[in-house]
């Protein structure tokens, strides 16, 4: 329920912004192709151009999958929402961009790099950059990467499935974030 409220606030904030005027390509819808390669994470990014150099983006990621392998179970289940503002030195939705925003994530991961598992809620600020390559008038290929820092309230378990609680608390983090090669449709 809390996640839905956060997503609704972010969506209303982006919808209240006036799109760019003058026939510019002001709206984009995209998906990160690398997300699907990473354990099947479903994702969408909606962008709205505010003027020639600025746009705002709302992004969502969802991964409900748990994978069975011979050595056990591994998973990186998550539901995350983020809102970002981007500066485009050349033109909105094309060329280089630099951005910053906020992100919230509910997660449950484990068995990937260690036999332990952790779950919790994380929130913080993001910085990103990248390049949008115009393939045609309406289709872009977007490359990007970022960093995410903030706090997480977590619980750590001995094994990914039904494990004994071995730790819990709050901690600060800085992580790579949003490595992407995205297919983007603009209109």
N, C-alpha and C. Protein backbone atom coordinates (compact mmCIF):
# COMPACT_ATOMS: atom_id res chain seq x y z
N UNK A 1 0.82 -1.19 0.00
CA UNK A 1 0.00 0.00 0.00
C UNK A 1 0.87 1.26 0.00
N UNK A 2 1.92 1.27 0.81
CA UNK A 2 2.81 2.41 0.89
C UNK A 2 3.48 2.66 -0.47
N UNK A 3 3.88 1.58 -1.14
CA UNK A 3 4.51 1.69 -2.45
C UNK A 3 3.56 2.29 -3.46
N UNK A 4 2.29 1.91 -3.41
CA UNK A 4 1.30 2.47 -4.34
C UNK A 4 1.10 3.95 -4.10
N UNK A 5 1.12 4.38 -2.84
CA UNK A 5 0.98 5.81 -2.54
C UNK A 5 2.17 6.60 -3.09
N UNK A 6 3.38 6.05 -2.92
CA UNK A 6 4.57 6.73 -3.44
C UNK A 6 4.50 6.83 -4.95
N UNK A 7 4.11 5.75 -5.62
CA UNK A 7 4.00 5.76 -7.09
C UNK A 7 2.94 6.76 -7.54
N UNK A 8 1.83 6.85 -6.84
CA UNK A 8 0.76 7.79 -7.20
C UNK A 8 1.25 9.24 -7.07
N UNK A 9 1.98 9.56 -6.01
CA UNK A 9 2.50 10.91 -5.82
C UNK A 9 3.48 11.26 -6.93
N UNK A 10 4.36 10.33 -7.29
CA UNK A 10 5.33 10.58 -8.35
C UNK A 10 4.62 10.79 -9.69
N UNK A 11 3.62 9.99 -9.96
CA UNK A 11 2.87 10.12 -11.21
C UNK A 11 2.13 11.45 -11.29
N UNK A 12 1.50 11.87 -10.21
CA UNK A 12 0.81 13.15 -10.19
C UNK A 12 1.77 14.32 -10.35
N UNK A 13 2.95 14.20 -9.74
CA UNK A 13 3.95 15.26 -9.87
C UNK A 13 4.39 15.42 -11.32
N UNK A 14 4.65 14.31 -12.01
CA UNK A 14 5.06 14.39 -13.41
C UNK A 14 3.92 14.86 -14.30
N UNK A 15 2.70 14.43 -14.03
CA UNK A 15 1.55 14.81 -14.86
C UNK A 15 1.23 16.30 -14.73
N UNK A 16 1.60 16.91 -13.61
CA UNK A 16 1.30 18.32 -13.41
C UNK A 16 2.22 19.25 -14.18
N UNK A 17 3.33 18.72 -14.69
CA UNK A 17 4.26 19.54 -15.44
C UNK A 17 3.74 19.76 -16.86
N UNK A 18 3.96 20.94 -17.40
CA UNK A 18 3.50 21.25 -18.75
C UNK A 18 4.52 20.74 -19.76
N UNK A 19 4.11 19.94 -20.74
CA UNK A 19 5.04 19.46 -21.75
C UNK A 19 5.61 20.62 -22.57
N UNK A 20 6.73 20.35 -23.23
CA UNK A 20 7.39 21.35 -24.06
C UNK A 20 6.47 21.82 -25.18
N UNK A 21 6.64 23.07 -25.57
CA UNK A 21 5.79 23.65 -26.61
C UNK A 21 6.55 23.73 -27.93
N UNK A 22 5.85 24.10 -28.97
CA UNK A 22 6.50 24.35 -30.25
C UNK A 22 6.73 23.11 -31.09
N UNK A 23 5.95 22.05 -30.89
CA UNK A 23 6.09 20.86 -31.72
C UNK A 23 7.27 19.98 -31.38
N UNK A 24 7.96 20.25 -30.28
CA UNK A 24 9.08 19.40 -29.90
C UNK A 24 8.57 18.02 -29.48
N UNK A 25 9.42 17.01 -29.65
CA UNK A 25 9.07 15.68 -29.17
C UNK A 25 9.11 15.74 -27.65
N UNK A 26 7.96 15.72 -26.99
CA UNK A 26 7.90 16.03 -25.58
C UNK A 26 7.68 14.83 -24.67
N UNK A 27 7.22 13.70 -25.18
CA UNK A 27 6.90 12.56 -24.32
C UNK A 27 7.64 11.33 -24.82
N UNK A 28 8.15 10.53 -23.89
CA UNK A 28 8.83 9.29 -24.25
C UNK A 28 8.36 8.15 -23.36
N UNK A 29 8.35 6.96 -23.93
CA UNK A 29 8.07 5.73 -23.19
C UNK A 29 9.16 4.75 -23.58
N UNK A 30 9.82 4.19 -22.58
CA UNK A 30 10.93 3.28 -22.87
C UNK A 30 11.00 2.12 -21.91
N UNK A 31 11.84 1.17 -22.26
CA UNK A 31 12.09 0.02 -21.39
C UNK A 31 13.57 -0.35 -21.47
N UNK A 32 14.15 -0.71 -20.34
CA UNK A 32 15.55 -1.07 -20.24
C UNK A 32 15.72 -2.54 -20.65
N UNK A 33 16.37 -2.76 -21.77
CA UNK A 33 16.57 -4.12 -22.27
C UNK A 33 17.49 -4.92 -21.35
N UNK A 34 18.46 -4.28 -20.71
CA UNK A 34 19.34 -4.99 -19.77
C UNK A 34 18.57 -5.49 -18.55
N UNK A 35 17.49 -4.80 -18.18
CA UNK A 35 16.68 -5.24 -17.05
C UNK A 35 16.08 -6.61 -17.27
N UNK A 36 15.64 -6.87 -18.50
CA UNK A 36 15.07 -8.18 -18.81
C UNK A 36 16.15 -9.27 -18.77
N UNK A 37 17.37 -8.92 -19.16
CA UNK A 37 18.46 -9.88 -19.10
C UNK A 37 18.88 -10.19 -17.67
N UNK A 38 18.69 -9.22 -16.76
CA UNK A 38 19.03 -9.44 -15.36
C UNK A 38 17.83 -10.05 -14.64
N UNK A 39 17.72 -11.34 -14.66
CA UNK A 39 16.71 -12.13 -13.94
C UNK A 39 15.27 -11.76 -14.31
N UNK A 40 15.06 -11.20 -15.49
CA UNK A 40 13.71 -10.94 -15.98
C UNK A 40 13.01 -9.75 -15.35
N UNK A 41 13.74 -8.72 -14.96
CA UNK A 41 13.13 -7.54 -14.34
C UNK A 41 12.29 -6.76 -15.35
N UNK A 42 11.00 -6.63 -15.07
CA UNK A 42 10.06 -5.90 -15.91
C UNK A 42 10.19 -4.42 -15.56
N UNK A 43 10.24 -3.54 -16.57
CA UNK A 43 10.46 -2.12 -16.26
C UNK A 43 9.85 -1.22 -17.32
N UNK A 44 9.60 0.02 -16.91
CA UNK A 44 9.08 1.05 -17.82
C UNK A 44 9.61 2.41 -17.36
N UNK A 45 9.83 3.29 -18.32
CA UNK A 45 10.26 4.66 -18.05
C UNK A 45 9.38 5.58 -18.88
N UNK A 46 8.75 6.54 -18.24
CA UNK A 46 7.92 7.53 -18.92
C UNK A 46 8.56 8.90 -18.70
N UNK A 47 8.85 9.60 -19.79
CA UNK A 47 9.48 10.91 -19.70
C UNK A 47 8.62 11.99 -20.32
N UNK A 48 8.69 13.19 -19.73
CA UNK A 48 7.95 14.34 -20.25
C UNK A 48 8.92 15.50 -20.38
N UNK A 49 9.03 16.05 -21.60
CA UNK A 49 9.87 17.21 -21.82
C UNK A 49 9.22 18.45 -21.25
N UNK A 50 9.97 19.22 -20.47
CA UNK A 50 9.44 20.45 -19.87
C UNK A 50 9.76 21.64 -20.76
N UNK A 51 10.98 21.69 -21.26
CA UNK A 51 11.38 22.69 -22.25
C UNK A 51 12.50 22.09 -23.10
N UNK A 52 13.24 22.93 -23.80
CA UNK A 52 14.24 22.41 -24.73
C UNK A 52 15.36 21.63 -24.04
N UNK A 53 15.68 21.94 -22.79
CA UNK A 53 16.82 21.31 -22.12
C UNK A 53 16.45 20.45 -20.91
N UNK A 54 15.21 20.43 -20.49
CA UNK A 54 14.84 19.71 -19.27
C UNK A 54 13.70 18.72 -19.52
N UNK A 55 13.79 17.57 -18.84
CA UNK A 55 12.70 16.59 -18.86
C UNK A 55 12.59 15.95 -17.48
N UNK A 56 11.44 15.39 -17.20
CA UNK A 56 11.23 14.65 -15.96
C UNK A 56 10.83 13.22 -16.34
N UNK A 57 11.26 12.26 -15.52
CA UNK A 57 11.04 10.84 -15.82
C UNK A 57 10.55 10.12 -14.58
N UNK A 58 9.61 9.22 -14.80
CA UNK A 58 9.15 8.30 -13.75
C UNK A 58 9.47 6.90 -14.25
N UNK A 59 10.09 6.12 -13.37
CA UNK A 59 10.52 4.78 -13.76
C UNK A 59 10.04 3.78 -12.73
N UNK A 60 9.66 2.60 -13.20
CA UNK A 60 9.26 1.52 -12.32
C UNK A 60 9.94 0.22 -12.72
N UNK A 61 10.34 -0.57 -11.74
CA UNK A 61 10.95 -1.88 -11.95
C UNK A 61 10.24 -2.89 -11.08
N UNK A 62 9.99 -4.08 -11.64
CA UNK A 62 9.32 -5.13 -10.88
C UNK A 62 9.93 -6.47 -11.24
N UNK A 63 10.31 -7.23 -10.22
CA UNK A 63 10.84 -8.58 -10.44
C UNK A 63 10.26 -9.50 -9.37
N UNK A 64 9.31 -10.37 -9.73
CA UNK A 64 8.71 -11.29 -8.76
C UNK A 64 9.33 -12.69 -8.78
N UNK A 65 10.41 -12.89 -9.55
CA UNK A 65 10.89 -14.23 -9.83
C UNK A 65 11.90 -14.76 -8.83
N UNK A 66 11.84 -16.05 -8.61
CA UNK A 66 12.79 -16.79 -7.78
C UNK A 66 13.29 -17.95 -8.64
N UNK A 67 14.58 -18.16 -8.69
CA UNK A 67 15.16 -19.15 -9.59
C UNK A 67 15.73 -20.32 -8.80
N UNK A 68 15.40 -21.53 -9.23
CA UNK A 68 15.89 -22.76 -8.62
C UNK A 68 17.10 -23.24 -9.42
N UNK A 69 18.20 -23.53 -8.73
CA UNK A 69 19.39 -24.10 -9.36
C UNK A 69 19.88 -25.25 -8.49
N UNK A 70 20.83 -26.02 -8.98
CA UNK A 70 21.32 -27.19 -8.26
C UNK A 70 21.87 -26.82 -6.88
N UNK A 71 22.50 -25.65 -6.77
CA UNK A 71 23.09 -25.25 -5.49
C UNK A 71 22.09 -24.57 -4.56
N UNK A 72 20.84 -24.42 -4.96
CA UNK A 72 19.83 -23.80 -4.11
C UNK A 72 18.95 -22.84 -4.87
N UNK A 73 18.59 -21.77 -4.18
CA UNK A 73 17.68 -20.76 -4.73
C UNK A 73 18.41 -19.43 -4.82
N UNK A 74 18.16 -18.68 -5.89
CA UNK A 74 18.64 -17.29 -5.91
C UNK A 74 17.53 -16.40 -6.44
N UNK A 75 17.55 -15.16 -5.95
CA UNK A 75 16.49 -14.22 -6.30
C UNK A 75 16.98 -12.79 -6.10
N UNK A 76 16.34 -11.90 -6.82
CA UNK A 76 16.51 -10.46 -6.60
C UNK A 76 15.15 -9.84 -6.84
N UNK A 77 14.20 -10.24 -6.00
CA UNK A 77 12.84 -9.72 -6.11
C UNK A 77 12.85 -8.25 -5.71
N UNK A 78 12.09 -7.44 -6.46
CA UNK A 78 12.04 -6.03 -6.12
C UNK A 78 10.83 -5.35 -6.74
N UNK A 79 10.46 -4.27 -6.11
CA UNK A 79 9.49 -3.34 -6.65
C UNK A 79 10.07 -1.96 -6.35
N UNK A 80 10.40 -1.22 -7.40
CA UNK A 80 11.00 0.09 -7.17
C UNK A 80 10.34 1.14 -8.06
N UNK A 81 10.29 2.35 -7.54
CA UNK A 81 9.79 3.51 -8.27
C UNK A 81 10.79 4.64 -8.09
N UNK A 82 10.96 5.43 -9.14
CA UNK A 82 11.86 6.57 -9.04
C UNK A 82 11.34 7.72 -9.89
N UNK A 83 11.72 8.92 -9.50
CA UNK A 83 11.42 10.13 -10.24
C UNK A 83 12.74 10.87 -10.45
N UNK A 84 12.94 11.36 -11.67
CA UNK A 84 14.22 11.96 -12.01
C UNK A 84 14.01 13.17 -12.90
N UNK A 85 14.83 14.19 -12.70
CA UNK A 85 14.90 15.32 -13.60
C UNK A 85 16.17 15.19 -14.41
N UNK A 86 16.11 15.49 -15.71
CA UNK A 86 17.29 15.38 -16.57
C UNK A 86 17.55 16.70 -17.28
N UNK A 87 18.83 17.03 -17.40
CA UNK A 87 19.26 18.17 -18.18
C UNK A 87 19.90 17.65 -19.47
N UNK A 88 19.46 18.18 -20.60
CA UNK A 88 19.94 17.79 -21.93
C UNK A 88 20.65 19.00 -22.54
N UNK A 89 21.98 19.01 -22.63
CA UNK A 89 22.67 20.18 -23.17
C UNK A 89 22.29 20.54 -24.59
N UNK A 90 22.01 19.56 -25.44
CA UNK A 90 21.69 19.84 -26.83
C UNK A 90 20.20 20.04 -27.04
N UNK A 91 19.40 19.00 -26.74
CA UNK A 91 17.97 19.05 -27.01
C UNK A 91 17.30 17.94 -26.20
N UNK A 92 16.12 18.21 -25.67
CA UNK A 92 15.38 17.23 -24.87
C UNK A 92 15.21 15.92 -25.63
N UNK A 93 15.48 14.82 -24.94
CA UNK A 93 15.31 13.44 -25.42
C UNK A 93 16.25 13.05 -26.55
N UNK A 94 17.38 13.78 -26.71
CA UNK A 94 18.38 13.38 -27.68
C UNK A 94 19.75 13.91 -27.27
N UNK A 95 20.77 13.12 -27.50
CA UNK A 95 22.12 13.49 -27.13
C UNK A 95 22.44 13.15 -25.68
N UNK A 96 23.43 13.84 -25.13
CA UNK A 96 23.88 13.59 -23.75
C UNK A 96 22.85 14.12 -22.74
N UNK A 97 22.81 13.48 -21.56
CA UNK A 97 21.97 13.97 -20.46
C UNK A 97 22.64 13.70 -19.12
N UNK A 98 22.24 14.51 -18.14
CA UNK A 98 22.69 14.36 -16.76
C UNK A 98 21.45 14.49 -15.89
N UNK A 99 21.31 13.63 -14.89
CA UNK A 99 20.09 13.66 -14.11
C UNK A 99 20.30 13.40 -12.63
N UNK A 100 19.26 13.68 -11.89
CA UNK A 100 19.23 13.41 -10.46
C UNK A 100 17.80 13.22 -10.02
N UNK A 101 17.60 12.44 -8.97
CA UNK A 101 16.24 12.20 -8.52
C UNK A 101 16.17 11.45 -7.21
N UNK A 102 15.01 10.85 -6.97
CA UNK A 102 14.78 10.06 -5.76
C UNK A 102 14.31 8.67 -6.17
N UNK A 103 14.57 7.70 -5.29
CA UNK A 103 14.17 6.32 -5.58
C UNK A 103 13.78 5.61 -4.29
N UNK A 104 12.74 4.77 -4.40
CA UNK A 104 12.30 3.90 -3.30
C UNK A 104 12.26 2.47 -3.83
N UNK A 105 12.67 1.52 -3.00
CA UNK A 105 12.65 0.12 -3.42
C UNK A 105 12.34 -0.80 -2.25
N UNK A 106 11.44 -1.74 -2.49
CA UNK A 106 11.19 -2.86 -1.58
C UNK A 106 11.87 -4.06 -2.22
N UNK A 107 12.71 -4.78 -1.47
CA UNK A 107 13.51 -5.83 -2.07
C UNK A 107 13.57 -7.09 -1.21
N UNK A 108 13.93 -8.20 -1.87
CA UNK A 108 14.19 -9.49 -1.23
C UNK A 108 15.19 -10.19 -2.14
N UNK A 109 16.45 -10.23 -1.71
CA UNK A 109 17.48 -10.82 -2.56
C UNK A 109 18.33 -11.79 -1.76
N UNK A 110 18.85 -12.78 -2.47
CA UNK A 110 19.73 -13.72 -1.81
C UNK A 110 20.13 -14.87 -2.70
N UNK A 111 21.21 -15.55 -2.27
CA UNK A 111 21.69 -16.71 -2.98
C UNK A 111 22.47 -16.41 -4.23
N UNK A 112 22.68 -15.14 -4.56
CA UNK A 112 23.38 -14.80 -5.79
C UNK A 112 24.89 -14.79 -5.56
N UNK A 113 25.36 -13.97 -4.63
CA UNK A 113 26.79 -13.89 -4.34
C UNK A 113 27.17 -14.54 -3.02
N UNK A 114 26.18 -14.83 -2.18
CA UNK A 114 26.43 -15.48 -0.90
C UNK A 114 25.20 -16.31 -0.54
N UNK A 115 25.34 -17.24 0.40
CA UNK A 115 24.19 -18.07 0.77
C UNK A 115 23.15 -17.33 1.61
N UNK A 116 23.45 -16.13 2.10
CA UNK A 116 22.51 -15.39 2.93
C UNK A 116 21.49 -14.66 2.06
N UNK A 117 20.44 -14.17 2.69
CA UNK A 117 19.41 -13.39 2.00
C UNK A 117 19.09 -12.17 2.83
N UNK A 118 18.66 -11.10 2.16
CA UNK A 118 18.23 -9.90 2.87
C UNK A 118 16.97 -9.37 2.22
N UNK A 119 16.15 -8.72 3.04
CA UNK A 119 14.94 -8.08 2.54
C UNK A 119 14.75 -6.78 3.29
N UNK A 120 14.01 -5.88 2.67
CA UNK A 120 13.76 -4.61 3.34
C UNK A 120 13.28 -3.54 2.39
N UNK A 121 13.38 -2.31 2.88
CA UNK A 121 12.99 -1.12 2.15
C UNK A 121 14.20 -0.20 2.06
N UNK A 122 14.39 0.41 0.89
CA UNK A 122 15.52 1.32 0.70
C UNK A 122 15.02 2.58 0.00
N UNK A 123 15.60 3.69 0.36
CA UNK A 123 15.23 4.96 -0.27
C UNK A 123 16.40 5.90 -0.28
N UNK A 124 16.46 6.75 -1.30
CA UNK A 124 17.54 7.71 -1.36
C UNK A 124 17.55 8.50 -2.64
N UNK A 125 18.70 9.08 -2.92
CA UNK A 125 18.89 9.98 -4.05
C UNK A 125 19.72 9.32 -5.14
N UNK A 126 19.46 9.70 -6.39
CA UNK A 126 20.19 9.14 -7.52
C UNK A 126 20.87 10.23 -8.34
N UNK A 127 21.97 9.88 -8.96
CA UNK A 127 22.65 10.71 -9.96
C UNK A 127 22.88 9.81 -11.16
N UNK A 128 22.66 10.32 -12.37
CA UNK A 128 22.83 9.49 -13.55
C UNK A 128 23.29 10.32 -14.73
N UNK A 129 23.71 9.62 -15.75
CA UNK A 129 24.11 10.27 -16.99
C UNK A 129 24.02 9.26 -18.12
N UNK A 130 24.03 9.77 -19.34
CA UNK A 130 23.97 8.86 -20.47
C UNK A 130 23.83 9.59 -21.78
N UNK A 131 23.47 8.82 -22.78
CA UNK A 131 23.36 9.34 -24.14
C UNK A 131 22.16 8.69 -24.82
N UNK A 132 21.34 9.49 -25.48
CA UNK A 132 20.20 9.00 -26.26
C UNK A 132 20.55 9.13 -27.74
N UNK A 133 20.70 7.98 -28.39
CA UNK A 133 21.03 7.92 -29.81
C UNK A 133 19.74 7.86 -30.62
N UNK A 134 19.54 8.83 -31.51
CA UNK A 134 18.33 8.88 -32.33
C UNK A 134 18.49 7.90 -33.50
N UNK A 135 17.68 6.83 -33.49
CA UNK A 135 17.72 5.86 -34.58
C UNK A 135 16.79 6.26 -35.72
N UNK A 136 15.69 6.91 -35.37
CA UNK A 136 14.75 7.44 -36.36
C UNK A 136 14.03 8.61 -35.71
N UNK A 137 13.05 9.15 -36.39
CA UNK A 137 12.33 10.31 -35.85
C UNK A 137 11.64 9.98 -34.52
N UNK A 138 11.20 8.76 -34.33
CA UNK A 138 10.44 8.38 -33.15
C UNK A 138 11.11 7.36 -32.25
N UNK A 139 12.22 6.78 -32.65
CA UNK A 139 12.85 5.70 -31.88
C UNK A 139 14.27 6.09 -31.49
N UNK A 140 14.57 5.96 -30.20
CA UNK A 140 15.90 6.21 -29.67
C UNK A 140 16.45 4.95 -29.01
N UNK A 141 17.75 4.87 -28.95
CA UNK A 141 18.43 3.86 -28.15
C UNK A 141 19.20 4.64 -27.09
N UNK A 142 18.90 4.37 -25.83
CA UNK A 142 19.45 5.17 -24.74
C UNK A 142 20.43 4.33 -23.92
N UNK A 143 21.61 4.88 -23.69
CA UNK A 143 22.65 4.24 -22.88
C UNK A 143 22.82 5.08 -21.63
N UNK A 144 22.97 4.43 -20.47
CA UNK A 144 23.14 5.21 -19.26
C UNK A 144 23.58 4.39 -18.07
N UNK A 145 23.99 5.10 -17.03
CA UNK A 145 24.39 4.49 -15.77
C UNK A 145 24.23 5.54 -14.68
N UNK A 146 24.18 5.07 -13.44
CA UNK A 146 24.03 6.00 -12.34
C UNK A 146 24.52 5.42 -11.03
N UNK A 147 24.32 6.21 -10.00
CA UNK A 147 24.66 5.81 -8.64
C UNK A 147 23.49 6.18 -7.74
N UNK A 148 23.27 5.36 -6.72
CA UNK A 148 22.14 5.53 -5.81
C UNK A 148 22.68 5.46 -4.38
N UNK A 149 22.33 6.42 -3.56
CA UNK A 149 22.75 6.44 -2.17
C UNK A 149 21.60 6.78 -1.26
N UNK A 150 21.59 6.16 -0.08
CA UNK A 150 20.51 6.41 0.86
C UNK A 150 20.58 5.47 2.04
N UNK A 151 19.42 5.19 2.63
CA UNK A 151 19.34 4.31 3.79
C UNK A 151 18.41 3.14 3.49
N UNK A 152 18.70 2.02 4.13
CA UNK A 152 17.85 0.85 4.03
C UNK A 152 17.51 0.33 5.42
N UNK A 153 16.28 -0.10 5.59
CA UNK A 153 15.86 -0.84 6.78
C UNK A 153 15.79 -2.29 6.33
N UNK A 154 16.64 -3.15 6.91
CA UNK A 154 16.79 -4.49 6.38
C UNK A 154 16.67 -5.56 7.47
N UNK A 155 16.44 -6.79 6.99
CA UNK A 155 16.50 -8.01 7.79
C UNK A 155 17.35 -9.00 7.00
N UNK A 156 18.28 -9.66 7.66
CA UNK A 156 19.15 -10.60 6.98
C UNK A 156 18.90 -12.01 7.52
N UNK A 157 18.85 -12.98 6.58
CA UNK A 157 18.53 -14.36 6.93
C UNK A 157 19.67 -15.29 6.54
N UNK A 158 19.73 -16.43 7.19
CA UNK A 158 20.80 -17.40 6.98
C UNK A 158 20.77 -18.00 5.57
N UNK A 159 19.60 -18.30 5.05
CA UNK A 159 19.44 -18.84 3.70
C UNK A 159 18.28 -18.12 3.01
N UNK A 160 18.23 -18.14 1.65
CA UNK A 160 17.17 -17.41 0.94
C UNK A 160 15.74 -17.85 1.24
N UNK A 161 15.51 -19.10 1.55
CA UNK A 161 14.14 -19.56 1.77
C UNK A 161 13.98 -20.05 3.21
N UNK A 162 13.11 -19.41 3.96
CA UNK A 162 12.78 -19.82 5.33
C UNK A 162 14.00 -19.91 6.23
N UNK A 163 14.90 -18.97 6.13
CA UNK A 163 16.12 -18.98 6.92
C UNK A 163 15.95 -18.33 8.28
N UNK A 164 16.90 -18.62 9.15
CA UNK A 164 16.94 -18.05 10.49
C UNK A 164 17.41 -16.59 10.41
N UNK A 165 16.73 -15.70 11.15
CA UNK A 165 17.09 -14.29 11.19
C UNK A 165 18.47 -14.14 11.85
N UNK A 166 19.41 -13.52 11.14
CA UNK A 166 20.76 -13.34 11.69
C UNK A 166 21.14 -11.87 11.88
N UNK A 167 20.28 -10.95 11.45
CA UNK A 167 20.58 -9.54 11.64
C UNK A 167 19.48 -8.66 11.10
N UNK A 168 19.39 -7.45 11.67
CA UNK A 168 18.44 -6.47 11.17
C UNK A 168 18.88 -5.09 11.62
N UNK A 169 18.35 -4.08 10.98
CA UNK A 169 18.70 -2.72 11.36
C UNK A 169 18.59 -1.76 10.20
N UNK A 170 19.33 -0.65 10.33
CA UNK A 170 19.39 0.38 9.31
C UNK A 170 20.84 0.53 8.88
N UNK A 171 21.06 0.82 7.60
CA UNK A 171 22.41 1.11 7.17
C UNK A 171 22.40 2.03 5.96
N UNK A 172 23.47 2.79 5.82
CA UNK A 172 23.68 3.68 4.70
C UNK A 172 24.29 2.89 3.56
N UNK A 173 23.94 3.22 2.32
CA UNK A 173 24.51 2.53 1.16
C UNK A 173 24.79 3.50 0.03
N UNK A 174 25.73 3.15 -0.80
CA UNK A 174 25.99 3.78 -2.09
C UNK A 174 26.21 2.63 -3.06
N UNK A 175 25.38 2.57 -4.11
CA UNK A 175 25.41 1.46 -5.05
C UNK A 175 25.36 1.95 -6.49
N UNK A 176 25.93 1.17 -7.42
CA UNK A 176 25.67 1.48 -8.82
C UNK A 176 24.19 1.27 -9.09
N UNK A 177 23.66 2.04 -10.00
CA UNK A 177 22.22 2.01 -10.23
C UNK A 177 21.92 2.27 -11.69
N UNK A 178 20.88 1.63 -12.18
CA UNK A 178 20.29 1.97 -13.46
C UNK A 178 21.25 1.85 -14.64
N UNK A 179 22.02 0.78 -14.69
CA UNK A 179 22.79 0.48 -15.88
C UNK A 179 21.79 0.13 -16.96
N UNK A 180 21.81 0.84 -18.08
CA UNK A 180 20.74 0.63 -19.05
C UNK A 180 21.18 0.77 -20.50
N UNK A 181 20.51 -0.04 -21.31
CA UNK A 181 20.45 0.12 -22.76
C UNK A 181 18.95 0.02 -23.04
N UNK A 182 18.33 1.15 -23.28
CA UNK A 182 16.87 1.22 -23.37
C UNK A 182 16.39 1.48 -24.78
N UNK A 183 15.30 0.83 -25.14
CA UNK A 183 14.57 1.16 -26.37
C UNK A 183 13.53 2.20 -25.98
N UNK A 184 13.53 3.36 -26.65
CA UNK A 184 12.68 4.48 -26.27
C UNK A 184 11.87 4.93 -27.49
N UNK A 185 10.56 5.07 -27.30
CA UNK A 185 9.67 5.60 -28.34
C UNK A 185 9.27 7.03 -27.93
N UNK A 186 9.43 7.97 -28.82
CA UNK A 186 9.10 9.36 -28.51
C UNK A 186 7.92 9.83 -29.37
N UNK A 187 7.10 10.69 -28.80
CA UNK A 187 5.98 11.28 -29.55
C UNK A 187 5.61 12.62 -28.98
